[in-house]
PDB file of N, CA and C in Angstrom:
ATOM      1  N   ALA A   1      98.353  78.009 109.432  1.00  0.00           N
ATOM      2  CA  ALA A   1      99.404  78.854 109.949  1.00  0.00           C
ATOM      3  C   ALA A   1     100.773  78.406 109.429  1.00  0.00           C
ATOM      4  N   GLU A   2     100.992  77.098 109.393  1.00  0.00           N
ATOM      5  CA  GLU A   2     102.272  76.575 108.911  1.00  0.00           C
ATOM      6  C   GLU A   2     102.442  76.874 107.422  1.00  0.00           C
ATOM      7  N   CYS A   3     101.386  76.748 106.657  1.00  0.00           N
ATOM      8  CA  CYS A   3     101.434  77.060 105.225  1.00  0.00           C
ATOM      9  C   CYS A   3     101.796  78.528 105.021  1.00  0.00           C
ATOM     10  N   THR A   4     101.178  79.393 105.783  1.00  0.00           N
ATOM     11  CA  THR A   4     101.463  80.826 105.685  1.00  0.00           C
ATOM     12  C   THR A   4     102.923  81.113 105.998  1.00  0.00           C
ATOM     13  N   ARG A   5     103.477  80.420 106.988  1.00  0.00           N
ATOM     14  CA  ARG A   5     104.885  80.610 107.335  1.00  0.00           C
ATOM     15  C   ARG A   5     105.787  80.245 106.152  1.00  0.00           C
ATOM     16  N   PHE A   6     105.492  79.126 105.496  1.00  0.00           N
ATOM     17  CA  PHE A   6     106.288  78.722 104.335  1.00  0.00           C
ATOM     18  C   PHE A   6     106.202  79.759 103.220  1.00  0.00           C
ATOM     19  N   LEU A   7     104.997  80.219 102.928  1.00  0.00           N
ATOM     20  CA  LEU A   7     104.817  81.187 101.844  1.00  0.00           C
ATOM     21  C   LEU A   7     105.470  82.523 102.178  1.00  0.00           C
ATOM     22  N   ASN A   8     105.347  82.973 103.421  1.00  0.00           N
ATOM     23  CA  ASN A   8     105.989  84.227 103.824  1.00  0.00           C
ATOM     24  C   ASN A   8     107.506  84.119 103.771  1.00  0.00           C
ATOM     25  N   THR A   9     108.033  82.994 104.201  1.00  0.00           N
ATOM     26  CA  THR A   9     109.479  82.774 104.136  1.00  0.00           C
ATOM     27  C   THR A   9     109.953  82.815 102.694  1.00  0.00           C
ATOM     28  N   LEU A  10     109.194  82.207 101.821  1.00  0.00           N
ATOM     29  CA  LEU A  10     109.547  82.178 100.407  1.00  0.00           C
ATOM     30  C   LEU A  10     109.573  83.581  99.814  1.00  0.00           C
ATOM     31  N   MET A  11     108.695  84.443 100.284  1.00  0.00           N
ATOM     32  CA  MET A  11     108.671  85.817  99.778  1.00  0.00           C
ATOM     33  C   MET A  11     109.870  86.626 100.258  1.00  0.00           C
ATOM     34  N   CYS A  12     110.533  86.156 101.301  1.00  0.00           N
ATOM     35  CA  CYS A  12     111.653  86.912 101.877  1.00  0.00           C
ATOM     36  C   CYS A  12     112.972  86.695 101.152  1.00  0.00           C
ATOM     37  N   TYR A  13     113.000  85.850 100.136  1.00  0.00           N
ATOM     38  CA  TYR A  13     114.279  85.582  99.475  1.00  0.00           C
ATOM     39  C   TYR A  13     114.894  86.853  98.902  1.00  0.00           C
ATOM     40  N   VAL A  14     114.068  87.827  98.537  1.00  0.00           N
ATOM     41  CA  VAL A  14     114.603  89.062  97.955  1.00  0.00           C
ATOM     42  C   VAL A  14     115.460  89.837  98.947  1.00  0.00           C
ATOM     43  N   CYS A  15     115.305  89.555 100.236  1.00  0.00           N
ATOM     44  CA  CYS A  15     116.068  90.265 101.267  1.00  0.00           C
ATOM     45  C   CYS A  15     117.399  89.602 101.589  1.00  0.00           C
ATOM     46  N   LEU A  16     117.606  88.397 101.136  1.00  0.00           N
ATOM     47  CA  LEU A  16     118.805  87.659 101.521  1.00  0.00           C
ATOM     48  C   LEU A  16     120.032  88.137 100.762  1.00  0.00           C
ATOM     49  N   PRO A  17     121.118  88.359 101.460  1.00  0.00           N
ATOM     50  CA  PRO A  17     122.344  88.820 100.795  1.00  0.00           C
ATOM     51  C   PRO A  17     122.882  87.836  99.762  1.00  0.00           C
ATOM     52  N   LEU A  18     122.605  86.560  99.920  1.00  0.00           N
ATOM     53  CA  LEU A  18     123.123  85.553  98.989  1.00  0.00           C
ATOM     54  C   LEU A  18     122.085  85.123  97.956  1.00  0.00           C
ATOM     55  N   GLN A  19     121.120  85.991  97.667  1.00  0.00           N
ATOM     56  CA  GLN A  19     120.072  85.597  96.730  1.00  0.00           C
ATOM     57  C   GLN A  19     120.614  85.248  95.353  1.00  0.00           C
ATOM     58  N   TYR A  20     121.783  85.780  94.997  1.00  0.00           N
ATOM     59  CA  TYR A  20     122.368  85.467  93.695  1.00  0.00           C
ATOM     60  C   TYR A  20     122.653  83.973  93.556  1.00  0.00           C
ATOM     61  N   ASP A  21     122.747  83.257  94.677  1.00  0.00           N
ATOM     62  CA  ASP A  21     122.971  81.812  94.608  1.00  0.00           C
ATOM     63  C   ASP A  21     121.744  81.062  94.110  1.00  0.00           C
ATOM     64  N   PHE A  22     120.552  81.551  94.422  1.00  0.00           N
ATOM     65  CA  PHE A  22     119.353  80.801  94.061  1.00  0.00           C
ATOM     66  C   PHE A  22     118.382  81.577  93.179  1.00  0.00           C
ATOM     67  N   TYR A  23     118.725  82.787  92.793  1.00  0.00           N
ATOM     68  CA  TYR A  23     117.905  83.518  91.826  1.00  0.00           C
ATOM     69  C   TYR A  23     118.761  83.722  90.586  1.00  0.00           C
ATOM     70  N   ARG A  24     118.515  82.894  89.575  1.00  0.00           N
ATOM     71  CA  ARG A  24     119.310  82.922  88.351  1.00  0.00           C
ATOM     72  C   ARG A  24     118.375  82.885  87.153  1.00  0.00           C
ATOM     73  N   SER A  25     118.795  83.517  86.086  1.00  0.00           N
ATOM     74  CA  SER A  25     118.018  83.539  84.840  1.00  0.00           C
ATOM     75  C   SER A  25     116.584  83.989  85.087  1.00  0.00           C
ATOM     76  N   GLU A  26     116.444  84.976  85.972  1.00  0.00           N
ATOM     77  CA  GLU A  26     115.139  85.555  86.315  1.00  0.00           C
ATOM     78  C   GLU A  26     114.155  84.539  86.881  1.00  0.00           C
ATOM     79  N   ARG A  27     114.667  83.498  87.511  1.00  0.00           N
ATOM     80  CA  ARG A  27     113.819  82.475  88.136  1.00  0.00           C
ATOM     81  C   ARG A  27     114.363  82.138  89.514  1.00  0.00           C
ATOM     82  N   LEU A  28     113.459  81.917  90.441  1.00  0.00           N
ATOM     83  CA  LEU A  28     113.840  81.477  91.777  1.00  0.00           C
ATOM     84  C   LEU A  28     114.037  79.966  91.747  1.00  0.00           C
ATOM     85  N   HIS A  29     115.196  79.511  92.174  1.00  0.00           N
ATOM     86  CA  HIS A  29     115.503  78.083  92.252  1.00  0.00           C
ATOM     87  C   HIS A  29     115.239  77.636  93.686  1.00  0.00           C
ATOM     88  N   VAL A  30     114.271  76.746  93.839  1.00  0.00           N
ATOM     89  CA  VAL A  30     113.841  76.293  95.157  1.00  0.00           C
ATOM     90  C   VAL A  30     114.260  74.835  95.336  1.00  0.00           C
ATOM     91  N   CYS A  31     114.737  74.501  96.521  1.00  0.00           N
ATOM     92  CA  CYS A  31     115.124  73.120  96.818  1.00  0.00           C
ATOM     93  C   CYS A  31     113.873  72.240  96.862  1.00  0.00           C
ATOM     94  N   LEU A  32     113.976  71.058  96.284  1.00  0.00           N
ATOM     95  CA  LEU A  32     112.848  70.138  96.275  1.00  0.00           C
ATOM     96  C   LEU A  32     112.394  69.816  97.696  1.00  0.00           C
ATOM     97  N   SER A  33     113.329  69.692  98.612  1.00  0.00           N
ATOM     98  CA  SER A  33     112.953  69.389 100.000  1.00  0.00           C
ATOM     99  C   SER A  33     112.056  70.494 100.573  1.00  0.00           C
ATOM    100  N   TYR A  34     112.337  71.753 100.210  1.00  0.00           N
ATOM    101  CA  TYR A  34     111.496  72.866 100.665  1.00  0.00           C
ATOM    102  C   TYR A  34     110.112  72.770 100.015  1.00  0.00           C
ATOM    103  N   CYS A  35     110.088  72.471  98.717  1.00  0.00           N
ATOM    104  CA  CYS A  35     108.805  72.323  98.009  1.00  0.00           C
ATOM    105  C   CYS A  35     107.958  71.234  98.652  1.00  0.00           C
ATOM    106  N   ASP A  36     108.588  70.105  98.977  1.00  0.00           N
ATOM    107  CA  ASP A  36     107.848  68.992  99.576  1.00  0.00           C
ATOM    108  C   ASP A  36     107.294  69.359 100.949  1.00  0.00           C
ATOM    109  N   ARG A  37     108.104  70.041 101.765  1.00  0.00           N
ATOM    110  CA  ARG A  37     107.628  70.438 103.094  1.00  0.00           C
ATOM    111  C   ARG A  37     106.529  71.493 102.992  1.00  0.00           C
ATOM    112  N   MET A  38     106.674  72.413 102.029  1.00  0.00           N
ATOM    113  CA  MET A  38     105.661  73.444 101.835  1.00  0.00           C
ATOM    114  C   MET A  38     104.354  72.807 101.349  1.00  0.00           C
ATOM    115  N   TYR A  39     104.458  71.859 100.431  1.00  0.00           N
ATOM    116  CA  TYR A  39     103.278  71.155  99.920  1.00  0.00           C
ATOM    117  C   TYR A  39     102.547  70.442 101.061  1.00  0.00           C
ATOM    118  N   LYS A  40     103.303  69.762 101.895  1.00  0.00           N
ATOM    119  CA  LYS A  40     102.698  69.050 103.025  1.00  0.00           C
ATOM    120  C   LYS A  40     101.980  70.031 103.955  1.00  0.00           C
ATOM    121  N   ALA A  41     102.617  71.173 104.226  1.00  0.00           N
ATOM    122  CA  ALA A  41     102.016  72.178 105.114  1.00  0.00           C
ATOM    123  C   ALA A  41     100.789  72.832 104.485  1.00  0.00           C
ATOM    124  N   CYS A  42     100.773  72.932 103.164  1.00  0.00           N
ATOM    125  CA  CYS A  42      99.697  73.640 102.459  1.00  0.00           C
ATOM    126  C   CYS A  42      98.666  72.705 101.827  1.00  0.00           C
ATOM    127  N   ALA A  43      98.775  71.408 102.050  1.00  0.00           N
ATOM    128  CA  ALA A  43      97.906  70.437 101.376  1.00  0.00           C
ATOM    129  C   ALA A  43      96.421  70.714 101.588  1.00  0.00           C
ATOM    130  N   THR A  44      96.051  71.246 102.741  1.00  0.00           N
ATOM    131  CA  THR A  44      94.628  71.503 103.006  1.00  0.00           C
ATOM    132  C   THR A  44      94.208  72.935 102.677  1.00  0.00           C
ATOM    133  N   ALA A  45      95.172  73.776 102.319  1.00  0.00           N
ATOM    134  CA  ALA A  45      94.845  75.161 101.938  1.00  0.00           C
ATOM    135  C   ALA A  45      94.078  75.156 100.621  1.00  0.00           C
ATOM    136  N   LEU A  46      93.196  76.127 100.461  1.00  0.00           N
ATOM    137  CA  LEU A  46      92.367  76.180  99.262  1.00  0.00           C
ATOM    138  C   LEU A  46      92.916  77.164  98.240  1.00  0.00           C
ATOM    139  N   MET A  47      92.918  76.729  96.993  1.00  0.00           N
ATOM    140  CA  MET A  47      93.243  77.592  95.860  1.00  0.00           C
ATOM    141  C   MET A  47      92.064  77.484  94.899  1.00  0.00           C
ATOM    142  N   LYS A  48      91.372  78.601  94.711  1.00  0.00           N
ATOM    143  CA  LYS A  48      90.180  78.614  93.865  1.00  0.00           C
ATOM    144  C   LYS A  48      89.168  77.558  94.313  1.00  0.00           C
ATOM    145  N   GLY A  49      89.046  77.394  95.633  1.00  0.00           N
ATOM    146  CA  GLY A  49      88.055  76.493  96.200  1.00  0.00           C
ATOM    147  C   GLY A  49      88.448  75.028  96.233  1.00  0.00           C
ATOM    148  N   ILE A  50      89.638  74.690  95.774  1.00  0.00           N
ATOM    149  CA  ILE A  50      90.098  73.298  95.754  1.00  0.00           C
ATOM    150  C   ILE A  50      91.375  73.207  96.591  1.00  0.00           C
ATOM    151  N   SER A  51      91.493  72.144  97.365  1.00  0.00           N
ATOM    152  CA  SER A  51      92.678  72.009  98.217  1.00  0.00           C
ATOM    153  C   SER A  51      93.931  71.780  97.375  1.00  0.00           C
ATOM    154  N   VAL A  52      95.036  72.301  97.865  1.00  0.00           N
ATOM    155  CA  VAL A  52      96.327  72.147  97.185  1.00  0.00           C
ATOM    156  C   VAL A  52      96.639  70.664  97.000  1.00  0.00           C
ATOM    157  N   GLY A  53      96.302  69.847  97.998  1.00  0.00           N
ATOM    158  CA  GLY A  53      96.543  68.405  97.928  1.00  0.00           C
ATOM    159  C   GLY A  53      95.805  67.726  96.793  1.00  0.00           C
ATOM    160  N   LYS A  54      94.658  68.270  96.389  1.00  0.00           N
ATOM    161  CA  LYS A  54      93.915  67.703  95.258  1.00  0.00           C
ATOM    162  C   LYS A  54      94.377  68.283  93.931  1.00  0.00           C
ATOM    163  N   LEU A  55      94.834  69.525  93.953  1.00  0.00           N
ATOM    164  CA  LEU A  55      95.293  70.167  92.718  1.00  0.00           C
ATOM    165  C   LEU A  55      96.640  69.632  92.243  1.00  0.00           C
ATOM    166  N   TYR A  56      97.510  69.293  93.198  1.00  0.00           N
ATOM    167  CA  TYR A  56      98.873  68.886  92.862  1.00  0.00           C
ATOM    168  C   TYR A  56      99.206  67.582  93.565  1.00  0.00           C
ATOM    169  N   ALA A  57      99.957  66.734  92.889  1.00  0.00           N
ATOM    170  CA  ALA A  57     100.288  65.417  93.437  1.00  0.00           C
ATOM    171  C   ALA A  57     101.413  65.460  94.464  1.00  0.00           C
ATOM    172  N   ASN A  58     102.280  66.468  94.358  1.00  0.00           N
ATOM    173  CA  ASN A  58     103.449  66.514  95.244  1.00  0.00           C
ATOM    174  C   ASN A  58     104.046  67.921  95.258  1.00  0.00           C
ATOM    175  N   GLY A  59     105.097  68.082  96.031  1.00  0.00           N
ATOM    176  CA  GLY A  59     105.758  69.378  96.147  1.00  0.00           C
ATOM    177  C   GLY A  59     106.370  69.855  94.844  1.00  0.00           C
ATOM    178  N   HIS A  60     106.874  68.932  94.059  1.00  0.00           N
ATOM    179  CA  HIS A  60     107.476  69.281  92.766  1.00  0.00           C
ATOM    180  C   HIS A  60     106.437  69.961  91.871  1.00  0.00           C
ATOM    181  N   GLU A  61     105.264  69.341  91.745  1.00  0.00           N
ATOM    182  CA  GLU A  61     104.196  69.925  90.917  1.00  0.00           C
ATOM    183  C   GLU A  61     103.734  71.271  91.480  1.00  0.00           C
ATOM    184  N   PHE A  62     103.623  71.347  92.796  1.00  0.00           N
ATOM    185  CA  PHE A  62     103.174  72.580  93.436  1.00  0.00           C
ATOM    186  C   PHE A  62     104.136  73.725  93.134  1.00  0.00           C
ATOM    187  N   CYS A  63     105.431  73.497  93.281  1.00  0.00           N
ATOM    188  CA  CYS A  63     106.420  74.550  93.011  1.00  0.00           C
ATOM    189  C   CYS A  63     106.487  74.895  91.525  1.00  0.00           C
ATOM    190  N   LEU A  64     106.353  73.905  90.665  1.00  0.00           N
ATOM    191  CA  LEU A  64     106.331  74.195  89.226  1.00  0.00           C
ATOM    192  C   LEU A  64     105.145  75.087  88.874  1.00  0.00           C
ATOM    193  N   SER A  65     104.013  74.860  89.534  1.00  0.00           N
ATOM    194  CA  SER A  65     102.830  75.681  89.260  1.00  0.00           C
ATOM    195  C   SER A  65     103.048  77.138  89.674  1.00  0.00           C
ATOM    196  N   ARG A  66     103.958  77.359  90.603  1.00  0.00           N
ATOM    197  CA  ARG A  66     104.300  78.712  91.041  1.00  0.00           C
ATOM    198  C   ARG A  66     105.417  79.303  90.180  1.00  0.00           C
ATOM    199  N   ARG A  67     105.821  78.562  89.155  1.00  0.00           N
ATOM    200  CA  ARG A  67     106.867  78.962  88.196  1.00  0.00           C
ATOM    201  C   ARG A  67     108.257  79.047  88.816  1.00  0.00           C
ATOM    202  N   PHE A  68     108.513  78.174  89.772  1.00  0.00           N
ATOM    203  CA  PHE A  68     109.848  78.080  90.350  1.00  0.00           C
ATOM    204  C   PHE A  68     110.641  77.016  89.606  1.00  0.00           C
ATOM    205  N   GLU A  69     111.945  77.191  89.567  1.00  0.00           N
ATOM    206  CA  GLU A  69     112.841  76.129  89.122  1.00  0.00           C
ATOM    207  C   GLU A  69     113.090  75.262  90.351  1.00  0.00           C
ATOM    208  N   ILE A  70     113.076  73.953  90.172  1.00  0.00           N
ATOM    209  CA  ILE A  70     113.259  73.063  91.308  1.00  0.00           C
ATOM    210  C   ILE A  70     114.598  72.356  91.194  1.00  0.00           C
ATOM    211  N   ASN A  71     115.375  72.416  92.259  1.00  0.00           N
ATOM    212  CA  ASN A  71     116.634  71.681  92.340  1.00  0.00           C
ATOM    213  C   ASN A  71     116.395  70.484  93.244  1.00  0.00           C
ATOM    214  N   ASP A  72     116.654  69.300  92.739  1.00  0.00           N
ATOM    215  CA  ASP A  72     116.408  68.111  93.552  1.00  0.00           C
ATOM    216  C   ASP A  72     117.668  67.611  94.248  1.00  0.00           C
ATOM    217  N   ILE A  73     118.688  68.448  94.274  1.00  0.00           N
ATOM    218  CA  ILE A  73     119.899  68.087  95.006  1.00  0.00           C
ATOM    219  C   ILE A  73     119.845  68.717  96.387  1.00  0.00           C
ATOM    220  N   ASP A  74     120.633  68.208  97.287  1.00  0.00           N
ATOM    221  CA  ASP A  74     120.596  68.699  98.667  1.00  0.00           C
ATOM    222  C   ASP A  74     121.556  69.850  98.924  1.00  0.00           C
ATOM    223  N   ASN A  75     122.148  70.403  97.878  1.00  0.00           N
ATOM    224  CA  ASN A  75     123.073  71.519  98.054  1.00  0.00           C
ATOM    225  C   ASN A  75     122.278  72.815  98.120  1.00  0.00           C
ATOM    226  N   SER A  76     121.986  73.272  99.324  1.00  0.00           N
ATOM    227  CA  SER A  76     121.118  74.438  99.485  1.00  0.00           C
ATOM    228  C   SER A  76     121.763  75.738  99.027  1.00  0.00           C
ATOM    229  N   SER A  77     123.047  75.702  98.677  1.00  0.00           N
ATOM    230  CA  SER A  77     123.658  76.937  98.177  1.00  0.00           C
ATOM    231  C   SER A  77     123.209  77.228  96.754  1.00  0.00           C
ATOM    232  N   LEU A  78     122.636  76.230  96.074  1.00  0.00           N
ATOM    233  CA  LEU A  78     122.174  76.421  94.706  1.00  0.00           C
ATOM    234  C   LEU A  78     120.673  76.624  94.615  1.00  0.00           C
ATOM    235  N   CYS A  79     119.974  76.497  95.726  1.00  0.00           N
ATOM    236  CA  CYS A  79     118.523  76.650  95.702  1.00  0.00           C
ATOM    237  C   CYS A  79     118.049  77.231  97.032  1.00  0.00           C
ATOM    238  N   PHE A  80     116.865  77.833  96.995  1.00  0.00           N
ATOM    239  CA  PHE A  80     116.306  78.462  98.187  1.00  0.00           C
ATOM    240  C   PHE A  80     115.741  77.408  99.130  1.00  0.00           C
ATOM    241  N   SER A  81     116.027  77.583 100.397  1.00  0.00           N
ATOM    242  CA  SER A  81     115.446  76.773 101.459  1.00  0.00           C
ATOM    243  C   SER A  81     115.432  77.635 102.716  1.00  0.00           C
ATOM    244  N   ASP A  82     114.577  77.316 103.649  1.00  0.00           N
ATOM    245  CA  ASP A  82     114.571  78.094 104.883  1.00  0.00           C
ATOM    246  C   ASP A  82     115.835  77.853 105.696  1.00  0.00           C
ATOM    247  N   ASP A  83     116.606  76.839 105.350  1.00  0.00           N
ATOM    248  CA  ASP A  83     117.917  76.643 105.979  1.00  0.00           C
ATOM    249  C   ASP A  83     118.802  77.853 105.721  1.00  0.00           C
ATOM    250  N   ASP A  84     118.653  78.470 104.536  1.00  0.00           N
ATOM    251  CA  ASP A  84     119.440  79.648 104.189  1.00  0.00           C
ATOM    252  C   ASP A  84     119.174  80.785 105.169  1.00  0.00           C
ATOM    253  N   LEU A  85     117.933  80.951 105.579  1.00  0.00           N
ATOM    254  CA  LEU A  85     117.582  82.026 106.509  1.00  0.00           C
ATOM    255  C   LEU A  85     118.226  81.801 107.864  1.00  0.00           C
ATOM    256  N   VAL A  86     118.157  80.581 108.353  1.00  0.00           N
ATOM    257  CA  VAL A  86     118.727  80.260 109.658  1.00  0.00           C
ATOM    258  C   VAL A  86     120.233  80.444 109.619  1.00  0.00           C
ATOM    259  N   MET A  87     120.876  79.933 108.557  1.00  0.00           N
ATOM    260  CA  MET A  87     122.325  80.028 108.436  1.00  0.00           C
ATOM    261  C   MET A  87     122.777  81.486 108.396  1.00  0.00           C
ATOM    262  N   GLN A  88     122.116  82.311 107.594  1.00  0.00           N
ATOM    263  CA  GLN A  88     122.539  83.696 107.460  1.00  0.00           C
ATOM    264  C   GLN A  88     122.282  84.478 108.735  1.00  0.00           C
ATOM    265  N   THR A  89     121.198  84.194 109.410  1.00  0.00           N
ATOM    266  CA  THR A  89     120.926  84.878 110.669  1.00  0.00           C
ATOM    267  C   THR A  89     122.000  84.530 111.695  1.00  0.00           C
ATOM    268  N   LYS A  90     122.396  83.264 111.766  1.00  0.00           N
ATOM    269  CA  LYS A  90     123.448  82.852 112.695  1.00  0.00           C
ATOM    270  C   LYS A  90     124.770  83.519 112.343  1.00  0.00           C
ATOM    271  N   GLN A  91     125.071  83.616 111.044  1.00  0.00           N
ATOM    272  CA  GLN A  91     126.314  84.267 110.629  1.00  0.00           C
ATOM    273  C   GLN A  91     126.304  85.739 111.030  1.00  0.00           C
ATOM    274  N   GLN A  92     125.179  86.415 110.856  1.00  0.00           N
ATOM    275  CA  GLN A  92     125.089  87.826 111.213  1.00  0.00           C
ATOM    276  C   GLN A  92     125.290  88.012 112.712  1.00  0.00           C
ATOM    277  N   ILE A  93     124.700  87.149 113.500  1.00  0.00           N
ATOM    278  CA  ILE A  93     124.837  87.252 114.951  1.00  0.00           C
ATOM    279  C   ILE A  93     126.286  87.009 115.354  1.00  0.00           C
ATOM    280  N   LYS A  94     126.938  86.028 114.727  1.00  0.00           N
ATOM    281  CA  LYS A  94     128.337  85.736 115.036  1.00  0.00           C
ATOM    282  C   LYS A  94     129.220  86.934 114.694  1.00  0.00           C
ATOM    283  N   ILE A  95     128.990  87.530 113.531  1.00  0.00           N
ATOM    284  CA  ILE A  95     129.751  88.717 113.133  1.00  0.00           C
ATOM    285  C   ILE A  95     129.509  89.837 114.138  1.00  0.00           C
ATOM    286  N   SER A  96     128.257  90.005 114.520  1.00  0.00           N
ATOM    287  CA  SER A  96     127.909  91.047 115.485  1.00  0.00           C
ATOM    288  C   SER A  96     128.621  90.812 116.814  1.00  0.00           C
ATOM    289  N   ASP A  97     128.630  89.577 117.279  1.00  0.00           N
ATOM    290  CA  ASP A  97     129.283  89.253 118.545  1.00  0.00           C
ATOM    291  C   ASP A  97     130.775  89.550 118.489  1.00  0.00           C
ATOM    292  N   ASN A  98     131.400  89.299 117.346  1.00  0.00           N
ATOM    293  CA  ASN A  98     132.833  89.550 117.202  1.00  0.00           C
ATOM    294  C   ASN A  98     133.150  91.041 117.135  1.00  0.00           C
ATOM    295  N   ASN A  99     132.234  91.830 116.595  1.00  0.00           N
ATOM    296  CA  ASN A  99     132.484  93.253 116.401  1.00  0.00           C
ATOM    297  C   ASN A  99     132.086  94.119 117.588  1.00  0.00           C
ATOM    298  N   MET A 100     131.276  93.606 118.474  1.00  0.00           N
ATOM    299  CA  MET A 100     130.799  94.391 119.610  1.00  0.00           C
ATOM    300  C   MET A 100     131.697  94.155 120.817  1.00  0.00           C
ATOM    301  N   SER A 101     131.977  95.197 121.521  1.00  0.00           N
ATOM    302  CA  SER A 101     132.743  95.040 122.757  1.00  0.00           C
ATOM    303  C   SER A 101     131.775  94.713 123.883  1.00  0.00           C
ATOM    304  N   SER A 102     132.300  94.391 125.018  1.00  0.00           N
ATOM    305  CA  SER A 102     131.448  94.006 126.140  1.00  0.00           C
ATOM    306  C   SER A 102     131.042  95.223 126.970  1.00  0.00           C
ATOM    307  N   THR A 103     130.717  96.309 126.297  1.00  0.00           N
ATOM    308  CA  THR A 103     130.238  97.502 126.995  1.00  0.00           C
ATOM    309  C   THR A 103     128.733  97.421 127.138  1.00  0.00           C
ATOM    310  N   ASN A 104     128.144  98.498 127.600  1.00  0.00           N
ATOM    311  CA  ASN A 104     126.701  98.524 127.790  1.00  0.00           C
ATOM    312  C   ASN A 104     125.946  98.886 126.519  1.00  0.00           C
ATOM    313  N   ILE A 105     126.598  98.823 125.380  1.00  0.00           N
ATOM    314  CA  ILE A 105     125.924  99.125 124.117  1.00  0.00           C
ATOM    315  C   ILE A 105     124.894  98.034 123.843  1.00  0.00           C
ATOM    316  N   GLU A 106     123.688  98.453 123.507  1.00  0.00           N
ATOM    317  CA  GLU A 106     122.640  97.491 123.205  1.00  0.00           C
ATOM    318  C   GLU A 106     122.917  96.846 121.852  1.00  0.00           C
ATOM    319  N   ARG A 107     122.898  95.533 121.808  1.00  0.00           N
ATOM    320  CA  ARG A 107     123.159  94.818 120.567  1.00  0.00           C
ATOM    321  C   ARG A 107     121.895  94.766 119.726  1.00  0.00           C
ATOM    322  N   PRO A 108     122.018  95.036 118.432  1.00  0.00           N
ATOM    323  CA  PRO A 108     120.833  94.978 117.579  1.00  0.00           C
ATOM    324  C   PRO A 108     120.394  93.532 117.380  1.00  0.00           C
ATOM    325  N   ASN A 109     119.129  93.343 117.247  1.00  0.00           N
ATOM    326  CA  ASN A 109     118.596  92.018 116.978  1.00  0.00           C
ATOM    327  C   ASN A 109     118.480  91.875 115.462  1.00  0.00           C
ATOM    328  N   PHE A 110     119.447  91.208 114.850  1.00  0.00           N
ATOM    329  CA  PHE A 110     119.499  91.105 113.400  1.00  0.00           C
ATOM    330  C   PHE A 110     118.319  90.332 112.833  1.00  0.00           C
ATOM    331  N   PHE A 111     117.815  89.351 113.578  1.00  0.00           N
ATOM    332  CA  PHE A 111     116.681  88.592 113.070  1.00  0.00           C
ATOM    333  C   PHE A 111     115.449  89.486 112.943  1.00  0.00           C
ATOM    334  N   LYS A 112     115.208  90.328 113.947  1.00  0.00           N
ATOM    335  CA  LYS A 112     114.069  91.243 113.878  1.00  0.00           C
ATOM    336  C   LYS A 112     114.246  92.240 112.742  1.00  0.00           C
ATOM    337  N   LEU A 113     115.462  92.720 112.573  1.00  0.00           N
ATOM    338  CA  LEU A 113     115.750  93.633 111.472  1.00  0.00           C
ATOM    339  C   LEU A 113     115.497  92.955 110.135  1.00  0.00           C
ATOM    340  N   PHE A 114     115.923  91.715 110.016  1.00  0.00           N
ATOM    341  CA  PHE A 114     115.711  90.943 108.795  1.00  0.00           C
ATOM    342  C   PHE A 114     114.216  90.805 108.501  1.00  0.00           C
ATOM    343  N   ILE A 115     113.428  90.488 109.515  1.00  0.00           N
ATOM    344  CA  ILE A 115     111.979  90.332 109.347  1.00  0.00           C
ATOM    345  C   ILE A 115     111.351  91.652 108.917  1.00  0.00           C
ATOM    346  N   VAL A 116     111.759  92.757 109.516  1.00  0.00           N
ATOM    347  CA  VAL A 116     111.220  94.070 109.143  1.00  0.00           C
ATOM    348  C   VAL A 116     111.534  94.380 107.685  1.00  0.00           C
ATOM    349  N   ILE A 117     112.762  94.095 107.262  1.00  0.00           N
ATOM    350  CA  ILE A 117     113.138  94.338 105.864  1.00  0.00           C
ATOM    351  C   ILE A 117     112.310  93.466 104.936  1.00  0.00           C
ATOM    352  N   CYS A 118     112.122  92.209 105.301  1.00  0.00           N
ATOM    353  CA  CYS A 118     111.313  91.304 104.473  1.00  0.00           C
ATOM    354  C   CYS A 118     109.867  91.775 104.381  1.00  0.00           C
ATOM    355  N   LEU A 119     109.312  92.186 105.492  1.00  0.00           N
ATOM    356  CA  LEU A 119     107.929  92.670 105.478  1.00  0.00           C
ATOM    357  C   LEU A 119     107.798  93.918 104.615  1.00  0.00           C
ATOM    358  N   ALA A 120     108.778  94.795 104.682  1.00  0.00           N
ATOM    359  CA  ALA A 120     108.759  95.990 103.838  1.00  0.00           C
ATOM    360  C   ALA A 120     108.840  95.606 102.366  1.00  0.00           C
ATOM    361  N   ALA A 121     109.666  94.623 102.059  1.00  0.00           N
ATOM    362  CA  ALA A 121     109.784  94.166 100.671  1.00  0.00           C
ATOM    363  C   ALA A 121     108.476  93.542 100.204  1.00  0.00           C
ATOM    364  N   MET A 122     107.829  92.740 101.074  1.00  0.00           N
ATOM    365  CA  MET A 122     106.554  92.126 100.705  1.00  0.00           C
ATOM    366  C   MET A 122     105.492  93.191 100.479  1.00  0.00           C
ATOM    367  N   LEU A 123     105.436  94.191 101.340  1.00  0.00           N
ATOM    368  CA  LEU A 123     104.464  95.268 101.195  1.00  0.00           C
ATOM    369  C   LEU A 123     104.709  96.014  99.892  1.00  0.00           C
ATOM    370  N   SER A 124     105.948  96.279  99.603  1.00  0.00           N
ATOM    371  CA  SER A 124     106.305  96.951  98.358  1.00  0.00           C
ATOM    372  C   SER A 124     105.876  96.118  97.162  1.00  0.00           C
ATOM    373  N   PHE A 125     106.088  94.799  97.251  1.00  0.00           N
ATOM    374  CA  PHE A 125     105.717  93.883  96.170  1.00  0.00           C
ATOM    375  C   PHE A 125     104.204  93.876  95.975  1.00  0.00           C
ATOM    376  N   ILE A 126     103.456  93.859  97.068  1.00  0.00           N
ATOM    377  CA  ILE A 126     101.992  93.818  96.999  1.00  0.00           C
ATOM    378  C   ILE A 126     101.441  95.112  96.405  1.00  0.00           C
ATOM    379  N   LEU A 127     102.039  96.240  96.760  1.00  0.00           N
ATOM    380  CA  LEU A 127     101.538  97.528  96.298  1.00  0.00           C
ATOM    381  C   LEU A 127     101.914  97.832  94.849  1.00  0.00           C
ATOM    382  N   CYS A 128     102.906  97.128  94.321  1.00  0.00           N
ATOM    383  CA  CYS A 128     103.346  97.394  92.941  1.00  0.00           C
ATOM    384  C   CYS A 128     102.380  96.847  91.925  1.00  0.00           C
TER     385      CYS A 128
END
């Protein structure tokens, strides 16, 4: 389940407004810390009948096999990490809070909207 969460999150980068920061030269730039955490979560998952932990020695090798560029610096503005999702969701909520008055208007849940957009993008990607 944790491995699936990492992979699904990774597929959602196309929905992020700041994707230009980590998608350059037609390659997704992923933070090494994200690769390492994803590798750890997916170590027992099977690829062609062999566990990821046996196929690859570490997160760096695992992400390279997926054809990602790996940034080994901690500046997440230059590479994809799930920190980007949390940060952007918080920013959207803050903007929403500032723009909404304290009336009985129902506030939209930006995180749910973000997930719906990501799922639509993934479905579109799968069907293409």
